[in-house]
Amino acid sequence: MQNAQNANTKKHTPGRSRQELLTNLLQNSSNARNANTLGGIIINLPIKDSKLKIIAKPNSPKTEITEVDKDSIKLNVKAQPEKGKANKEIIKFFSKLLKKQVTIKTGKTTKTKILSIQEK
């Protein structure tokens, strides 16, 4: 029983949240344009024709990716959805994360948005 508990403990990375793992996964890209790796795990971002669909949940405790689906990313956004604050937070978050120029192509007043991603 002790060995089984130790094995489970070793699989868990203490002090690292799901957000940190996803962020590292996205930042440590060395594969194809929308494939990213971390520790041998490959994740394909749903980027199609330099566009990324996100579903934003504004007024959250912090800005973080909560889910990566085959066609979209769900994102909690700390900023409130007023006067473009949440949109600015989304652009800042993905620009820093992807190290690319990000603009909102559609959905400036809705929770579902299409981001345009271009090289800087």
PDB file of N, CA and C in Angstrom:
ATOM      1  N   MET A   1       0.825  -1.189   0.000  1.00  0.00           N
ATOM      2  CA  MET A   1       0.000   0.000   0.000  1.00  0.00           C
ATOM      3  C   MET A   1       0.866   1.248   0.000  1.00  0.00           C
ATOM      4  N   GLN A   2       1.939   1.230   0.790  1.00  0.00           N
ATOM      5  CA  GLN A   2       2.854   2.365   0.871  1.00  0.00           C
ATOM      6  C   GLN A   2       3.436   2.685  -0.505  1.00  0.00           C
ATOM      7  N   ASN A   3       3.877   1.650  -1.245  1.00  0.00           N
ATOM      8  CA  ASN A   3       4.459   1.841  -2.561  1.00  0.00           C
ATOM      9  C   ASN A   3       3.454   2.423  -3.544  1.00  0.00           C
ATOM     10  N   ALA A   4       2.209   1.981  -3.471  1.00  0.00           N
ATOM     11  CA  ALA A   4       1.171   2.506  -4.350  1.00  0.00           C
ATOM     12  C   ALA A   4       0.934   3.984  -4.069  1.00  0.00           C
ATOM     13  N   GLN A   5       0.932   4.381  -2.809  1.00  0.00           N
ATOM     14  CA  GLN A   5       0.753   5.783  -2.457  1.00  0.00           C
ATOM     15  C   GLN A   5       1.930   6.603  -2.947  1.00  0.00           C
ATOM     16  N   ASN A   6       3.138   6.102  -2.786  1.00  0.00           N
ATOM     17  CA  ASN A   6       4.317   6.817  -3.255  1.00  0.00           C
ATOM     18  C   ASN A   6       4.292   6.979  -4.764  1.00  0.00           C
ATOM     19  N   ALA A   7       3.850   5.959  -5.482  1.00  0.00           N
ATOM     20  CA  ALA A   7       3.772   6.036  -6.942  1.00  0.00           C
ATOM     21  C   ALA A   7       2.790   7.118  -7.358  1.00  0.00           C
ATOM     22  N   ASN A   8       1.641   7.192  -6.687  1.00  0.00           N
ATOM     23  CA  ASN A   8       0.670   8.230  -7.002  1.00  0.00           C
ATOM     24  C   ASN A   8       1.200   9.605  -6.661  1.00  0.00           C
ATOM     25  N   THR A   9       1.914   9.727  -5.586  1.00  0.00           N
ATOM     26  CA  THR A   9       2.468  11.013  -5.173  1.00  0.00           C
ATOM     27  C   THR A   9       3.488  11.507  -6.187  1.00  0.00           C
ATOM     28  N   LYS A  10       4.281  10.614  -6.726  1.00  0.00           N
ATOM     29  CA  LYS A  10       5.297  11.007  -7.690  1.00  0.00           C
ATOM     30  C   LYS A  10       4.679  11.508  -8.990  1.00  0.00           C
ATOM     31  N   LYS A  11       3.518  11.002  -9.367  1.00  0.00           N
ATOM     32  CA  LYS A  11       2.852  11.437 -10.597  1.00  0.00           C
ATOM     33  C   LYS A  11       2.332  12.861 -10.466  1.00  0.00           C
ATOM     34  N   HIS A  12       1.920  13.240  -9.283  1.00  0.00           N
ATOM     35  CA  HIS A  12       1.399  14.582  -9.037  1.00  0.00           C
ATOM     36  C   HIS A  12       2.561  15.552  -8.885  1.00  0.00           C
ATOM     37  N   THR A  13       2.435  16.719  -9.496  1.00  0.00           N
ATOM     38  CA  THR A  13       3.473  17.734  -9.385  1.00  0.00           C
ATOM     39  C   THR A  13       3.038  18.751  -8.343  1.00  0.00           C
ATOM     40  N   PRO A  14       3.567  18.669  -7.117  1.00  0.00           N
ATOM     41  CA  PRO A  14       3.139  19.572  -6.059  1.00  0.00           C
ATOM     42  C   PRO A  14       3.435  21.026  -6.410  1.00  0.00           C
ATOM     43  N   GLY A  15       2.499  21.893  -6.066  1.00  0.00           N
ATOM     44  CA  GLY A  15       2.711  23.319  -6.257  1.00  0.00           C
ATOM     45  C   GLY A  15       2.463  23.806  -7.677  1.00  0.00           C
ATOM     46  N   ARG A  16       2.089  22.929  -8.569  1.00  0.00           N
ATOM     47  CA  ARG A  16       1.851  23.348  -9.948  1.00  0.00           C
ATOM     48  C   ARG A  16       0.377  23.178 -10.253  1.00  0.00           C
ATOM     49  N   SER A  17      -0.259  24.248 -10.606  1.00  0.00           N
ATOM     50  CA  SER A  17      -1.682  24.203 -10.906  1.00  0.00           C
ATOM     51  C   SER A  17      -1.901  23.732 -12.339  1.00  0.00           C
ATOM     52  N   ARG A  18      -3.115  23.409 -12.622  1.00  0.00           N
ATOM     53  CA  ARG A  18      -3.496  23.007 -13.984  1.00  0.00           C
ATOM     54  C   ARG A  18      -3.169  24.129 -14.963  1.00  0.00           C
ATOM     55  N   GLN A  19      -3.398  25.380 -14.551  1.00  0.00           N
ATOM     56  CA  GLN A  19      -3.108  26.532 -15.399  1.00  0.00           C
ATOM     57  C   GLN A  19      -1.621  26.609 -15.724  1.00  0.00           C
ATOM     58  N   GLU A  20      -0.763  26.406 -14.725  1.00  0.00           N
ATOM     59  CA  GLU A  20       0.686  26.454 -14.958  1.00  0.00           C
ATOM     60  C   GLU A  20       1.105  25.372 -15.933  1.00  0.00           C
ATOM     61  N   LEU A  21       0.539  24.184 -15.783  1.00  0.00           N
ATOM     62  CA  LEU A  21       0.880  23.095 -16.692  1.00  0.00           C
ATOM     63  C   LEU A  21       0.433  23.401 -18.110  1.00  0.00           C
ATOM     64  N   LEU A  22      -0.799  23.925 -18.272  1.00  0.00           N
ATOM     65  CA  LEU A  22      -1.277  24.294 -19.604  1.00  0.00           C
ATOM     66  C   LEU A  22      -0.441  25.421 -20.193  1.00  0.00           C
ATOM     67  N   THR A  23      -0.106  26.420 -19.365  1.00  0.00           N
ATOM     68  CA  THR A  23       0.705  27.530 -19.841  1.00  0.00           C
ATOM     69  C   THR A  23       2.067  27.038 -20.300  1.00  0.00           C
ATOM     70  N   ASN A  24       2.710  26.183 -19.513  1.00  0.00           N
ATOM     71  CA  ASN A  24       3.993  25.616 -19.918  1.00  0.00           C
ATOM     72  C   ASN A  24       3.851  24.800 -21.189  1.00  0.00           C
ATOM     73  N   LEU A  25       2.759  24.074 -21.294  1.00  0.00           N
ATOM     74  CA  LEU A  25       2.506  23.267 -22.466  1.00  0.00           C
ATOM     75  C   LEU A  25       2.439  24.140 -23.707  1.00  0.00           C
ATOM     76  N   LEU A  26       1.756  25.276 -23.581  1.00  0.00           N
ATOM     77  CA  LEU A  26       1.611  26.176 -24.714  1.00  0.00           C
ATOM     78  C   LEU A  26       2.897  26.930 -25.018  1.00  0.00           C
ATOM     79  N   GLN A  27       3.664  27.298 -24.008  1.00  0.00           N
ATOM     80  CA  GLN A  27       4.860  28.101 -24.195  1.00  0.00           C
ATOM     81  C   GLN A  27       6.044  27.304 -24.723  1.00  0.00           C
ATOM     82  N   ASN A  28       6.136  26.029 -24.415  1.00  0.00           N
ATOM     83  CA  ASN A  28       7.299  25.229 -24.764  1.00  0.00           C
ATOM     84  C   ASN A  28       7.162  24.590 -26.144  1.00  0.00           C
ATOM     85  N   SER A  29       6.774  25.381 -27.114  1.00  0.00           N
ATOM     86  CA  SER A  29       6.556  24.854 -28.447  1.00  0.00           C
ATOM     87  C   SER A  29       7.859  24.718 -29.216  1.00  0.00           C
ATOM     88  N   SER A  30       8.083  23.516 -29.752  1.00  0.00           N
ATOM     89  CA  SER A  30       9.217  23.328 -30.636  1.00  0.00           C
ATOM     90  C   SER A  30       8.813  22.451 -31.814  1.00  0.00           C
ATOM     91  N   ASN A  31       7.528  22.155 -31.925  1.00  0.00           N
ATOM     92  CA  ASN A  31       7.027  21.311 -33.003  1.00  0.00           C
ATOM     93  C   ASN A  31       6.340  22.165 -34.068  1.00  0.00           C
ATOM     94  N   ALA A  32       5.327  21.616 -34.689  1.00  0.00           N
ATOM     95  CA  ALA A  32       4.587  22.317 -35.724  1.00  0.00           C
ATOM     96  C   ALA A  32       3.932  23.565 -35.167  1.00  0.00           C
ATOM     97  N   ARG A  33       3.427  24.411 -36.053  1.00  0.00           N
ATOM     98  CA  ARG A  33       2.897  25.715 -35.680  1.00  0.00           C
ATOM     99  C   ARG A  33       1.885  25.653 -34.542  1.00  0.00           C
ATOM    100  N   ASN A  34       0.991  24.685 -34.556  1.00  0.00           N
ATOM    101  CA  ASN A  34      -0.006  24.611 -33.496  1.00  0.00           C
ATOM    102  C   ASN A  34       0.099  23.341 -32.667  1.00  0.00           C
ATOM    103  N   ALA A  35       1.282  22.741 -32.624  1.00  0.00           N
ATOM    104  CA  ALA A  35       1.516  21.607 -31.735  1.00  0.00           C
ATOM    105  C   ALA A  35       2.540  22.037 -30.691  1.00  0.00           C
ATOM    106  N   ASN A  36       2.264  21.755 -29.449  1.00  0.00           N
ATOM    107  CA  ASN A  36       3.121  22.162 -28.349  1.00  0.00           C
ATOM    108  C   ASN A  36       3.426  20.964 -27.480  1.00  0.00           C
ATOM    109  N   THR A  37       4.594  20.991 -26.810  1.00  0.00           N
ATOM    110  CA  THR A  37       4.992  19.839 -26.003  1.00  0.00           C
ATOM    111  C   THR A  37       5.419  20.264 -24.610  1.00  0.00           C
ATOM    112  N   LEU A  38       5.303  19.339 -23.701  1.00  0.00           N
ATOM    113  CA  LEU A  38       5.844  19.468 -22.357  1.00  0.00           C
ATOM    114  C   LEU A  38       6.084  18.055 -21.857  1.00  0.00           C
ATOM    115  N   GLY A  39       7.316  17.729 -21.612  1.00  0.00           N
ATOM    116  CA  GLY A  39       7.640  16.400 -21.109  1.00  0.00           C
ATOM    117  C   GLY A  39       7.183  15.286 -22.028  1.00  0.00           C
ATOM    118  N   GLY A  40       7.257  15.506 -23.341  1.00  0.00           N
ATOM    119  CA  GLY A  40       6.886  14.467 -24.296  1.00  0.00           C
ATOM    120  C   GLY A  40       5.404  14.408 -24.614  1.00  0.00           C
ATOM    121  N   ILE A  41       4.576  15.221 -23.954  1.00  0.00           N
ATOM    122  CA  ILE A  41       3.142  15.250 -24.231  1.00  0.00           C
ATOM    123  C   ILE A  41       2.897  16.299 -25.304  1.00  0.00           C
ATOM    124  N   ILE A  42       2.168  15.936 -26.346  1.00  0.00           N
ATOM    125  CA  ILE A  42       1.881  16.870 -27.442  1.00  0.00           C
ATOM    126  C   ILE A  42       0.426  17.290 -27.349  1.00  0.00           C
ATOM    127  N   ILE A  43       0.200  18.584 -27.472  1.00  0.00           N
ATOM    128  CA  ILE A  43      -1.159  19.109 -27.519  1.00  0.00           C
ATOM    129  C   ILE A  43      -1.284  19.933 -28.791  1.00  0.00           C
ATOM    130  N   ASN A  44      -2.347  19.718 -29.524  1.00  0.00           N
ATOM    131  CA  ASN A  44      -2.607  20.509 -30.719  1.00  0.00           C
ATOM    132  C   ASN A  44      -3.571  21.621 -30.371  1.00  0.00           C
ATOM    133  N   LEU A  45      -3.120  22.843 -30.552  1.00  0.00           N
ATOM    134  CA  LEU A  45      -3.999  23.976 -30.324  1.00  0.00           C
ATOM    135  C   LEU A  45      -4.995  24.062 -31.469  1.00  0.00           C
ATOM    136  N   PRO A  46      -6.203  24.483 -31.180  1.00  0.00           N
ATOM    137  CA  PRO A  46      -7.207  24.570 -32.246  1.00  0.00           C
ATOM    138  C   PRO A  46      -7.033  25.827 -33.104  1.00  0.00           C
ATOM    139  N   ILE A  47      -5.814  26.052 -33.609  1.00  0.00           N
ATOM    140  CA  ILE A  47      -5.547  27.205 -34.476  1.00  0.00           C
ATOM    141  C   ILE A  47      -5.741  26.748 -35.909  1.00  0.00           C
ATOM    142  N   LYS A  48      -6.659  27.406 -36.610  1.00  0.00           N
ATOM    143  CA  LYS A  48      -6.946  27.083 -38.004  1.00  0.00           C
ATOM    144  C   LYS A  48      -6.881  28.367 -38.810  1.00  0.00           C
ATOM    145  N   ASP A  49      -6.051  28.384 -39.832  1.00  0.00           N
ATOM    146  CA  ASP A  49      -5.876  29.571 -40.685  1.00  0.00           C
ATOM    147  C   ASP A  49      -5.540  30.805 -39.848  1.00  0.00           C
ATOM    148  N   SER A  50      -4.647  30.656 -38.892  1.00  0.00           N
ATOM    149  CA  SER A  50      -4.204  31.730 -37.998  1.00  0.00           C
ATOM    150  C   SER A  50      -5.334  32.300 -37.157  1.00  0.00           C
ATOM    151  N   LYS A  51      -6.344  31.495 -36.878  1.00  0.00           N
ATOM    152  CA  LYS A  51      -7.475  31.924 -36.058  1.00  0.00           C
ATOM    153  C   LYS A  51      -7.655  30.942 -34.906  1.00  0.00           C
ATOM    154  N   LEU A  52      -8.050  31.481 -33.768  1.00  0.00           N
ATOM    155  CA  LEU A  52      -8.265  30.678 -32.569  1.00  0.00           C
ATOM    156  C   LEU A  52      -9.600  31.067 -31.957  1.00  0.00           C
ATOM    157  N   LYS A  53     -10.467  30.084 -31.755  1.00  0.00           N
ATOM    158  CA  LYS A  53     -11.777  30.335 -31.143  1.00  0.00           C
ATOM    159  C   LYS A  53     -11.640  30.180 -29.643  1.00  0.00           C
ATOM    160  N   ILE A  54     -12.106  31.196 -28.909  1.00  0.00           N
ATOM    161  CA  ILE A  54     -12.106  31.105 -27.455  1.00  0.00           C
ATOM    162  C   ILE A  54     -13.512  31.374 -26.922  1.00  0.00           C
ATOM    163  N   ILE A  55     -13.776  30.822 -25.767  1.00  0.00           N
ATOM    164  CA  ILE A  55     -15.008  31.095 -25.035  1.00  0.00           C
ATOM    165  C   ILE A  55     -14.579  31.696 -23.710  1.00  0.00           C
ATOM    166  N   ALA A  56     -14.879  32.974 -23.535  1.00  0.00           N
ATOM    167  CA  ALA A  56     -14.416  33.720 -22.370  1.00  0.00           C
ATOM    168  C   ALA A  56     -15.466  33.733 -21.264  1.00  0.00           C
ATOM    169  N   LYS A  57     -14.976  33.656 -20.040  1.00  0.00           N
ATOM    170  CA  LYS A  57     -15.833  33.793 -18.856  1.00  0.00           C
ATOM    171  C   LYS A  57     -15.269  34.973 -18.057  1.00  0.00           C
ATOM    172  N   PRO A  58     -15.804  36.174 -18.294  1.00  0.00           N
ATOM    173  CA  PRO A  58     -15.276  37.358 -17.619  1.00  0.00           C
ATOM    174  C   PRO A  58     -15.624  37.398 -16.138  1.00  0.00           C
ATOM    175  N   ASN A  59     -14.951  38.314 -15.429  1.00  0.00           N
ATOM    176  CA  ASN A  59     -15.186  38.549 -14.008  1.00  0.00           C
ATOM    177  C   ASN A  59     -14.861  37.306 -13.174  1.00  0.00           C
ATOM    178  N   SER A  60     -13.807  36.589 -13.550  1.00  0.00           N
ATOM    179  CA  SER A  60     -13.353  35.401 -12.829  1.00  0.00           C
ATOM    180  C   SER A  60     -12.267  35.798 -11.829  1.00  0.00           C
ATOM    181  N   PRO A  61     -11.933  34.915 -10.900  1.00  0.00           N
ATOM    182  CA  PRO A  61     -10.890  35.246  -9.922  1.00  0.00           C
ATOM    183  C   PRO A  61      -9.522  35.561 -10.550  1.00  0.00           C
ATOM    184  N   LYS A  62      -9.173  34.865 -11.657  1.00  0.00           N
ATOM    185  CA  LYS A  62      -7.927  35.165 -12.359  1.00  0.00           C
ATOM    186  C   LYS A  62      -8.049  34.752 -13.819  1.00  0.00           C
ATOM    187  N   THR A  63      -7.158  35.267 -14.649  1.00  0.00           N
ATOM    188  CA  THR A  63      -7.157  34.922 -16.064  1.00  0.00           C
ATOM    189  C   THR A  63      -6.376  33.632 -16.241  1.00  0.00           C
ATOM    190  N   GLU A  64      -7.054  32.614 -16.769  1.00  0.00           N
ATOM    191  CA  GLU A  64      -6.424  31.311 -16.956  1.00  0.00           C
ATOM    192  C   GLU A  64      -7.203  30.485 -17.959  1.00  0.00           C
ATOM    193  N   ILE A  65      -6.483  29.586 -18.631  1.00  0.00           N
ATOM    194  CA  ILE A  65      -7.118  28.627 -19.526  1.00  0.00           C
ATOM    195  C   ILE A  65      -7.696  27.519 -18.656  1.00  0.00           C
ATOM    196  N   THR A  66      -8.968  27.200 -18.891  1.00  0.00           N
ATOM    197  CA  THR A  66      -9.605  26.154 -18.101  1.00  0.00           C
ATOM    198  C   THR A  66      -9.807  24.865 -18.889  1.00  0.00           C
ATOM    199  N   GLU A  67      -9.855  24.973 -20.218  1.00  0.00           N
ATOM    200  CA  GLU A  67     -10.097  23.782 -21.021  1.00  0.00           C
ATOM    201  C   GLU A  67      -9.630  24.015 -22.451  1.00  0.00           C
ATOM    202  N   VAL A  68      -9.046  22.999 -23.054  1.00  0.00           N
ATOM    203  CA  VAL A  68      -8.653  23.044 -24.460  1.00  0.00           C
ATOM    204  C   VAL A  68      -9.418  21.938 -25.166  1.00  0.00           C
ATOM    205  N   ASP A  69     -10.353  22.327 -26.037  1.00  0.00           N
ATOM    206  CA  ASP A  69     -11.134  21.374 -26.823  1.00  0.00           C
ATOM    207  C   ASP A  69     -10.527  21.253 -28.206  1.00  0.00           C
ATOM    208  N   LYS A  70     -11.116  20.404 -29.037  1.00  0.00           N
ATOM    209  CA  LYS A  70     -10.576  20.230 -30.387  1.00  0.00           C
ATOM    210  C   LYS A  70     -10.806  21.458 -31.265  1.00  0.00           C
ATOM    211  N   ASP A  71     -11.790  22.297 -30.927  1.00  0.00           N
ATOM    212  CA  ASP A  71     -12.039  23.466 -31.773  1.00  0.00           C
ATOM    213  C   ASP A  71     -12.038  24.794 -31.024  1.00  0.00           C
ATOM    214  N   SER A  72     -11.814  24.790 -29.712  1.00  0.00           N
ATOM    215  CA  SER A  72     -11.820  26.049 -28.969  1.00  0.00           C
ATOM    216  C   SER A  72     -11.061  25.923 -27.652  1.00  0.00           C
ATOM    217  N   ILE A  73     -10.834  27.081 -27.049  1.00  0.00           N
ATOM    218  CA  ILE A  73     -10.206  27.165 -25.733  1.00  0.00           C
ATOM    219  C   ILE A  73     -11.171  27.904 -24.822  1.00  0.00           C
ATOM    220  N   LYS A  74     -11.387  27.374 -23.631  1.00  0.00           N
ATOM    221  CA  LYS A  74     -12.198  28.069 -22.637  1.00  0.00           C
ATOM    222  C   LYS A  74     -11.247  28.825 -21.714  1.00  0.00           C
ATOM    223  N   LEU A  75     -11.572  30.082 -21.492  1.00  0.00           N
ATOM    224  CA  LEU A  75     -10.684  30.980 -20.764  1.00  0.00           C
ATOM    225  C   LEU A  75     -11.443  31.755 -19.705  1.00  0.00           C
ATOM    226  N   ASN A  76     -10.987  31.685 -18.465  1.00  0.00           N
ATOM    227  CA  ASN A  76     -11.489  32.576 -17.417  1.00  0.00           C
ATOM    228  C   ASN A  76     -10.734  33.889 -17.555  1.00  0.00           C
ATOM    229  N   VAL A  77     -11.453  35.001 -17.458  1.00  0.00           N
ATOM    230  CA  VAL A  77     -10.839  36.323 -17.592  1.00  0.00           C
ATOM    231  C   VAL A  77     -11.142  37.123 -16.333  1.00  0.00           C
ATOM    232  N   LYS A  78     -10.107  37.639 -15.700  1.00  0.00           N
ATOM    233  CA  LYS A  78     -10.274  38.379 -14.456  1.00  0.00           C
ATOM    234  C   LYS A  78     -11.028  39.697 -14.667  1.00  0.00           C
ATOM    235  N   ALA A  79     -10.788  40.363 -15.769  1.00  0.00           N
ATOM    236  CA  ALA A  79     -11.381  41.679 -16.029  1.00  0.00           C
ATOM    237  C   ALA A  79     -12.893  41.587 -16.234  1.00  0.00           C
ATOM    238  N   GLN A  80     -13.540  42.709 -15.954  1.00  0.00           N
ATOM    239  CA  GLN A  80     -14.982  42.789 -16.147  1.00  0.00           C
ATOM    240  C   GLN A  80     -15.290  43.074 -17.617  1.00  0.00           C
ATOM    241  N   PRO A  81     -16.456  42.626 -18.090  1.00  0.00           N
ATOM    242  CA  PRO A  81     -16.804  42.815 -19.496  1.00  0.00           C
ATOM    243  C   PRO A  81     -17.401  44.196 -19.772  1.00  0.00           C
ATOM    244  N   GLU A  82     -16.657  45.234 -19.451  1.00  0.00           N
ATOM    245  CA  GLU A  82     -17.145  46.596 -19.683  1.00  0.00           C
ATOM    246  C   GLU A  82     -16.020  47.468 -20.231  1.00  0.00           C
ATOM    247  N   LYS A  83     -16.376  48.313 -21.173  1.00  0.00           N
ATOM    248  CA  LYS A  83     -15.434  49.252 -21.790  1.00  0.00           C
ATOM    249  C   LYS A  83     -14.207  48.551 -22.381  1.00  0.00           C
ATOM    250  N   GLY A  84     -14.377  47.323 -22.849  1.00  0.00           N
ATOM    251  CA  GLY A  84     -13.295  46.597 -23.503  1.00  0.00           C
ATOM    252  C   GLY A  84     -12.218  46.059 -22.572  1.00  0.00           C
ATOM    253  N   LYS A  85     -12.447  46.100 -21.268  1.00  0.00           N
ATOM    254  CA  LYS A  85     -11.434  45.637 -20.309  1.00  0.00           C
ATOM    255  C   LYS A  85     -11.124  44.150 -20.486  1.00  0.00           C
ATOM    256  N   ALA A  86     -12.157  43.339 -20.615  1.00  0.00           N
ATOM    257  CA  ALA A  86     -11.945  41.895 -20.771  1.00  0.00           C
ATOM    258  C   ALA A  86     -11.238  41.597 -22.096  1.00  0.00           C
ATOM    259  N   ASN A  87     -11.612  42.303 -23.157  1.00  0.00           N
ATOM    260  CA  ASN A  87     -10.968  42.098 -24.455  1.00  0.00           C
ATOM    261  C   ASN A  87      -9.482  42.441 -24.393  1.00  0.00           C
ATOM    262  N   LYS A  88      -9.142  43.531 -23.728  1.00  0.00           N
ATOM    263  CA  LYS A  88      -7.729  43.911 -23.580  1.00  0.00           C
ATOM    264  C   LYS A  88      -6.965  42.852 -22.798  1.00  0.00           C
ATOM    265  N   GLU A  89      -7.593  42.305 -21.767  1.00  0.00           N
ATOM    266  CA  GLU A  89      -6.969  41.257 -20.955  1.00  0.00           C
ATOM    267  C   GLU A  89      -6.727  39.998 -21.789  1.00  0.00           C
ATOM    268  N   ILE A  90      -7.696  39.642 -22.642  1.00  0.00           N
ATOM    269  CA  ILE A  90      -7.568  38.462 -23.507  1.00  0.00           C
ATOM    270  C   ILE A  90      -6.414  38.655 -24.493  1.00  0.00           C
ATOM    271  N   ILE A  91      -6.350  39.814 -25.122  1.00  0.00           N
ATOM    272  CA  ILE A  91      -5.276  40.102 -26.083  1.00  0.00           C
ATOM    273  C   ILE A  91      -3.921  40.055 -25.390  1.00  0.00           C
ATOM    274  N   LYS A  92      -3.824  40.675 -24.239  1.00  0.00           N
ATOM    275  CA  LYS A  92      -2.569  40.686 -23.480  1.00  0.00           C
ATOM    276  C   LYS A  92      -2.157  39.262 -23.100  1.00  0.00           C
ATOM    277  N   PHE A  93      -3.116  38.461 -22.611  1.00  0.00           N
ATOM    278  CA  PHE A  93      -2.850  37.088 -22.174  1.00  0.00           C
ATOM    279  C   PHE A  93      -2.305  36.239 -23.323  1.00  0.00           C
ATOM    280  N   PHE A  94      -3.008  36.229 -24.466  1.00  0.00           N
ATOM    281  CA  PHE A  94      -2.584  35.377 -25.578  1.00  0.00           C
ATOM    282  C   PHE A  94      -1.341  35.914 -26.289  1.00  0.00           C
ATOM    283  N   SER A  95      -1.160  37.227 -26.331  1.00  0.00           N
ATOM    284  CA  SER A  95       0.056  37.788 -26.921  1.00  0.00           C
ATOM    285  C   SER A  95       1.284  37.348 -26.140  1.00  0.00           C
ATOM    286  N   LYS A  96       1.186  37.391 -24.832  1.00  0.00           N
ATOM    287  CA  LYS A  96       2.298  36.978 -23.980  1.00  0.00           C
ATOM    288  C   LYS A  96       2.509  35.474 -24.051  1.00  0.00           C
ATOM    289  N   LEU A  97       1.425  34.721 -24.042  1.00  0.00           N
ATOM    290  CA  LEU A  97       1.489  33.270 -24.043  1.00  0.00           C
ATOM    291  C   LEU A  97       2.070  32.718 -25.345  1.00  0.00           C
ATOM    292  N   LEU A  98       1.589  33.229 -26.471  1.00  0.00           N
ATOM    293  CA  LEU A  98       1.997  32.710 -27.775  1.00  0.00           C
ATOM    294  C   LEU A  98       3.183  33.462 -28.378  1.00  0.00           C
ATOM    295  N   LYS A  99       3.525  34.622 -27.784  1.00  0.00           N
ATOM    296  CA  LYS A  99       4.606  35.474 -28.304  1.00  0.00           C
ATOM    297  C   LYS A  99       4.342  35.841 -29.756  1.00  0.00           C
ATOM    298  N   LYS A 100       3.087  36.202 -30.030  1.00  0.00           N
ATOM    299  CA  LYS A 100       2.654  36.606 -31.365  1.00  0.00           C
ATOM    300  C   LYS A 100       1.689  37.776 -31.232  1.00  0.00           C
ATOM    301  N   GLN A 101       1.431  38.436 -32.350  1.00  0.00           N
ATOM    302  CA  GLN A 101       0.469  39.533 -32.354  1.00  0.00           C
ATOM    303  C   GLN A 101      -0.937  38.939 -32.398  1.00  0.00           C
ATOM    304  N   VAL A 102      -1.775  39.350 -31.460  1.00  0.00           N
ATOM    305  CA  VAL A 102      -3.127  38.813 -31.343  1.00  0.00           C
ATOM    306  C   VAL A 102      -4.129  39.957 -31.416  1.00  0.00           C
ATOM    307  N   THR A 103      -5.167  39.778 -32.226  1.00  0.00           N
ATOM    308  CA  THR A 103      -6.272  40.732 -32.302  1.00  0.00           C
ATOM    309  C   THR A 103      -7.582  39.952 -32.251  1.00  0.00           C
ATOM    310  N   ILE A 104      -8.638  40.639 -31.851  1.00  0.00           N
ATOM    311  CA  ILE A 104      -9.960  40.010 -31.837  1.00  0.00           C
ATOM    312  C   ILE A 104     -10.603  40.278 -33.188  1.00  0.00           C
ATOM    313  N   LYS A 105     -10.829  39.209 -33.947  1.00  0.00           N
ATOM    314  CA  LYS A 105     -11.409  39.342 -35.287  1.00  0.00           C
ATOM    315  C   LYS A 105     -12.931  39.482 -35.201  1.00  0.00           C
ATOM    316  N   THR A 106     -13.571  38.611 -34.407  1.00  0.00           N
ATOM    317  CA  THR A 106     -15.022  38.703 -34.206  1.00  0.00           C
ATOM    318  C   THR A 106     -15.336  38.441 -32.738  1.00  0.00           C
ATOM    319  N   GLY A 107     -16.471  38.956 -32.279  1.00  0.00           N
ATOM    320  CA  GLY A 107     -16.939  38.674 -30.933  1.00  0.00           C
ATOM    321  C   GLY A 107     -16.534  39.686 -29.885  1.00  0.00           C
ATOM    322  N   LYS A 108     -16.343  40.940 -30.284  1.00  0.00           N
ATOM    323  CA  LYS A 108     -15.907  41.950 -29.314  1.00  0.00           C
ATOM    324  C   LYS A 108     -16.931  42.196 -28.207  1.00  0.00           C
ATOM    325  N   THR A 109     -18.199  41.879 -28.464  1.00  0.00           N
ATOM    326  CA  THR A 109     -19.230  42.094 -27.447  1.00  0.00           C
ATOM    327  C   THR A 109     -19.894  40.792 -26.998  1.00  0.00           C
ATOM    328  N   THR A 110     -19.278  39.645 -27.323  1.00  0.00           N
ATOM    329  CA  THR A 110     -19.841  38.356 -26.926  1.00  0.00           C
ATOM    330  C   THR A 110     -18.784  37.528 -26.197  1.00  0.00           C
ATOM    331  N   LYS A 111     -19.213  36.451 -25.580  1.00  0.00           N
ATOM    332  CA  LYS A 111     -18.282  35.577 -24.873  1.00  0.00           C
ATOM    333  C   LYS A 111     -17.475  34.697 -25.831  1.00  0.00           C
ATOM    334  N   THR A 112     -18.062  34.363 -26.973  1.00  0.00           N
ATOM    335  CA  THR A 112     -17.370  33.564 -27.985  1.00  0.00           C
ATOM    336  C   THR A 112     -16.648  34.516 -28.925  1.00  0.00           C
ATOM    337  N   LYS A 113     -15.339  34.329 -29.064  1.00  0.00           N
ATOM    338  CA  LYS A 113     -14.513  35.230 -29.857  1.00  0.00           C
ATOM    339  C   LYS A 113     -13.626  34.438 -30.800  1.00  0.00           C
ATOM    340  N   ILE A 114     -13.284  35.053 -31.909  1.00  0.00           N
ATOM    341  CA  ILE A 114     -12.307  34.493 -32.829  1.00  0.00           C
ATOM    342  C   ILE A 114     -11.102  35.432 -32.791  1.00  0.00           C
ATOM    343  N   LEU A 115      -9.949  34.878 -32.390  1.00  0.00           N
ATOM    344  CA  LEU A 115      -8.728  35.672 -32.341  1.00  0.00           C
ATOM    345  C   LEU A 115      -7.925  35.432 -33.613  1.00  0.00           C
ATOM    346  N   SER A 116      -7.336  36.495 -34.114  1.00  0.00           N
ATOM    347  CA  SER A 116      -6.433  36.404 -35.250  1.00  0.00           C
ATOM    348  C   SER A 116      -5.014  36.421 -34.699  1.00  0.00           C
ATOM    349  N   ILE A 117      -4.199  35.442 -35.108  1.00  0.00           N
ATOM    350  CA  ILE A 117      -2.845  35.297 -34.582  1.00  0.00           C
ATOM    351  C   ILE A 117      -1.852  35.462 -35.720  1.00  0.00           C
ATOM    352  N   GLN A 118      -0.967  36.459 -35.594  1.00  0.00           N
ATOM    353  CA  GLN A 118       0.028  36.763 -36.629  1.00  0.00           C
ATOM    354  C   GLN A 118       1.404  36.855 -36.011  1.00  0.00           C
ATOM    355  N   GLU A 119       2.425  36.642 -36.827  1.00  0.00           N
ATOM    356  CA  GLU A 119       3.797  36.827 -36.378  1.00  0.00           C
ATOM    357  C   GLU A 119       4.015  38.307 -36.071  1.00  0.00           C
ATOM    358  N   LYS A 120       4.875  38.592 -35.083  1.00  0.00           N
ATOM    359  CA  LYS A 120       5.167  39.995 -34.729  1.00  0.00           C
ATOM    360  C   LYS A 120       6.096  40.608 -35.741  1.00  0.00           C
TER     361      LYS A 120
END
